[in-house]
Protein backbone atom coordinates (compact mmCIF):
# COMPACT_ATOMS: atom_id res chain seq x y z
CA MET A 1 222.39 113.04 218.39
CA ASN A 2 219.48 110.95 217.32
CA ASN A 3 218.96 109.60 213.71
CA GLU A 4 215.82 108.55 214.11
CA THR A 5 213.17 110.41 212.13
CA MET A 6 210.36 111.80 213.96
CA VAL A 7 206.96 110.71 212.83
CA ALA A 8 203.82 112.12 213.98
CA ARG A 9 199.98 111.31 213.39
CA ARG A 10 196.73 112.86 213.89
CA GLU A 11 193.31 112.16 212.60
CA VAL A 12 191.02 114.95 211.86
CA GLU A 13 187.52 115.49 210.52
CA ILE A 14 186.75 117.81 207.89
CA LEU A 15 184.21 120.40 209.33
CA ASN A 16 183.69 123.24 206.49
CA ASN A 17 180.40 122.75 204.61
CA LEU A 18 181.94 122.74 201.30
CA GLY A 19 184.96 120.27 202.23
CA LEU A 20 188.32 119.94 201.16
CA HIS A 21 187.72 122.34 197.83
CA LEU A 22 190.33 123.94 196.10
CA ARG A 23 190.82 127.00 198.49
CA PRO A 24 191.17 124.94 201.65
CA ALA A 25 193.32 122.60 199.88
CA GLU A 26 195.66 125.42 198.55
CA LYS A 27 195.65 126.98 201.98
CA PHE A 28 196.92 123.19 203.40
CA VAL A 29 199.59 122.81 200.86
CA LYS A 30 201.08 126.52 201.63
CA LEU A 31 200.88 125.56 205.30
CA ALA A 32 202.24 122.00 204.69
CA LEU A 33 205.08 123.59 202.52
CA LYS A 34 206.64 125.68 205.39
CA PHE A 35 207.82 122.61 207.09
CA GLN A 36 210.67 120.15 206.36
CA ALA A 37 208.76 117.29 207.17
CA GLU A 38 207.23 114.99 204.04
CA ILE A 39 203.42 114.93 204.85
CA ARG A 40 201.12 112.28 204.12
CA VAL A 41 197.29 112.66 204.16
CA HIS A 42 195.72 109.03 204.81
CA TYR A 43 191.86 108.51 203.07
CA ASN A 44 190.21 105.26 202.82
CA GLY A 45 193.37 103.05 202.48
CA HIS A 46 195.62 105.36 200.61
CA GLN A 47 197.93 107.82 200.92
CA PHE A 48 198.16 111.58 199.49
CA ASN A 49 201.01 114.01 199.46
CA GLY A 50 200.13 116.60 201.78
CA LYS A 51 202.30 119.18 199.69
CA SER A 52 200.71 118.85 196.28
CA ILE A 53 197.16 120.38 195.75
CA LEU A 54 196.35 117.99 192.97
CA ASP A 55 196.40 115.22 195.00
CA LEU A 56 194.32 116.98 198.15
CA THR A 57 191.43 118.16 195.60
CA THR A 58 191.54 114.34 194.15
CA LEU A 59 190.44 113.23 197.71
CA GLY A 60 186.89 114.48 197.38
CA ALA A 61 186.90 115.11 200.77
CA GLU A 62 183.16 116.46 202.06
CA ARG A 63 182.01 117.77 205.35
CA GLY A 64 182.60 114.77 207.80
CA THR A 65 185.49 112.80 206.09
CA ARG A 66 188.23 111.67 208.50
CA LEU A 67 191.63 111.86 207.59
CA GLY A 68 194.59 111.18 208.69
CA LEU A 69 197.81 113.22 208.63
CA GLU A 70 200.92 111.86 209.23
CA ALA A 71 204.46 113.82 209.01
CA ARG A 72 207.53 112.47 209.03
CA GLY A 73 210.99 114.72 209.65
CA PRO A 74 212.65 117.34 212.28
CA ASP A 75 209.23 119.17 212.63
CA ALA A 76 207.01 116.48 212.45
CA GLU A 77 204.85 117.10 215.47
CA SER A 78 204.73 120.80 214.60
CA ALA A 79 203.82 120.21 210.83
CA VAL A 80 200.95 117.73 212.17
CA GLU A 81 199.75 120.47 214.96
CA ALA A 82 199.62 123.11 212.82
CA LEU A 83 197.81 121.40 209.88
CA ALA A 84 195.04 119.93 212.41
CA ASN A 85 194.68 123.18 213.98
CA LEU A 86 193.87 124.70 210.45
CA VAL A 87 191.64 121.78 209.58
CA LEU A 88 189.76 122.41 213.02
CA ALA A 89 189.67 126.29 212.27
CA ARG A 90 187.19 125.07 209.29
CA PHE A 91 190.19 126.16 206.77
CA PHE A 92 189.03 129.91 208.18
CA GLU A 93 185.92 129.89 205.68
CA LYS A 94 182.44 130.82 206.60
CA ASP A 95 179.61 127.91 205.85
CA ASN A 96 179.30 129.38 202.38
CA GLY A 97 183.13 129.28 201.41
CA GLU A 98 183.64 132.77 201.80
CA ALA A 99 187.04 133.56 203.82
CA LEU A 100 186.53 135.07 207.29
CA PRO A 101 187.48 138.50 207.19
CA GLU A 102 189.55 138.36 210.37
CA ALA A 103 191.57 135.34 208.69
CA SER A 104 191.84 136.95 205.44
CA GLY A 105 195.77 137.04 204.80
CA THR A 106 196.76 135.15 207.79
CA GLU A 107 198.33 131.78 208.49
CA PRO A 108 197.73 129.60 211.46
CA VAL A 109 201.16 130.12 213.52
CA ALA A 110 203.04 126.67 213.03
């Protein structure tokens, strides 16, 4: 058995109009908490805990902001893929920040 820690990284761009405000940050954290991997978000030379809503909301990441996602752990690849897909899906929000009706109560598949 391999004792090396799995590491996965991906860069994403915030696409939703209102950026990484409280609702998208909450969705990100809820999804991140489903994984065993340690999740880090890299921005502007700093790293933030991807499982901390406080850390994510302090980023002030507006639309167009590029973030680095990093996961370390047994499910690192799955975690980065699921989180990147959430960001690409604009956190399932309309342009005005309202939740998309078809995404209400659903989470991206991990």
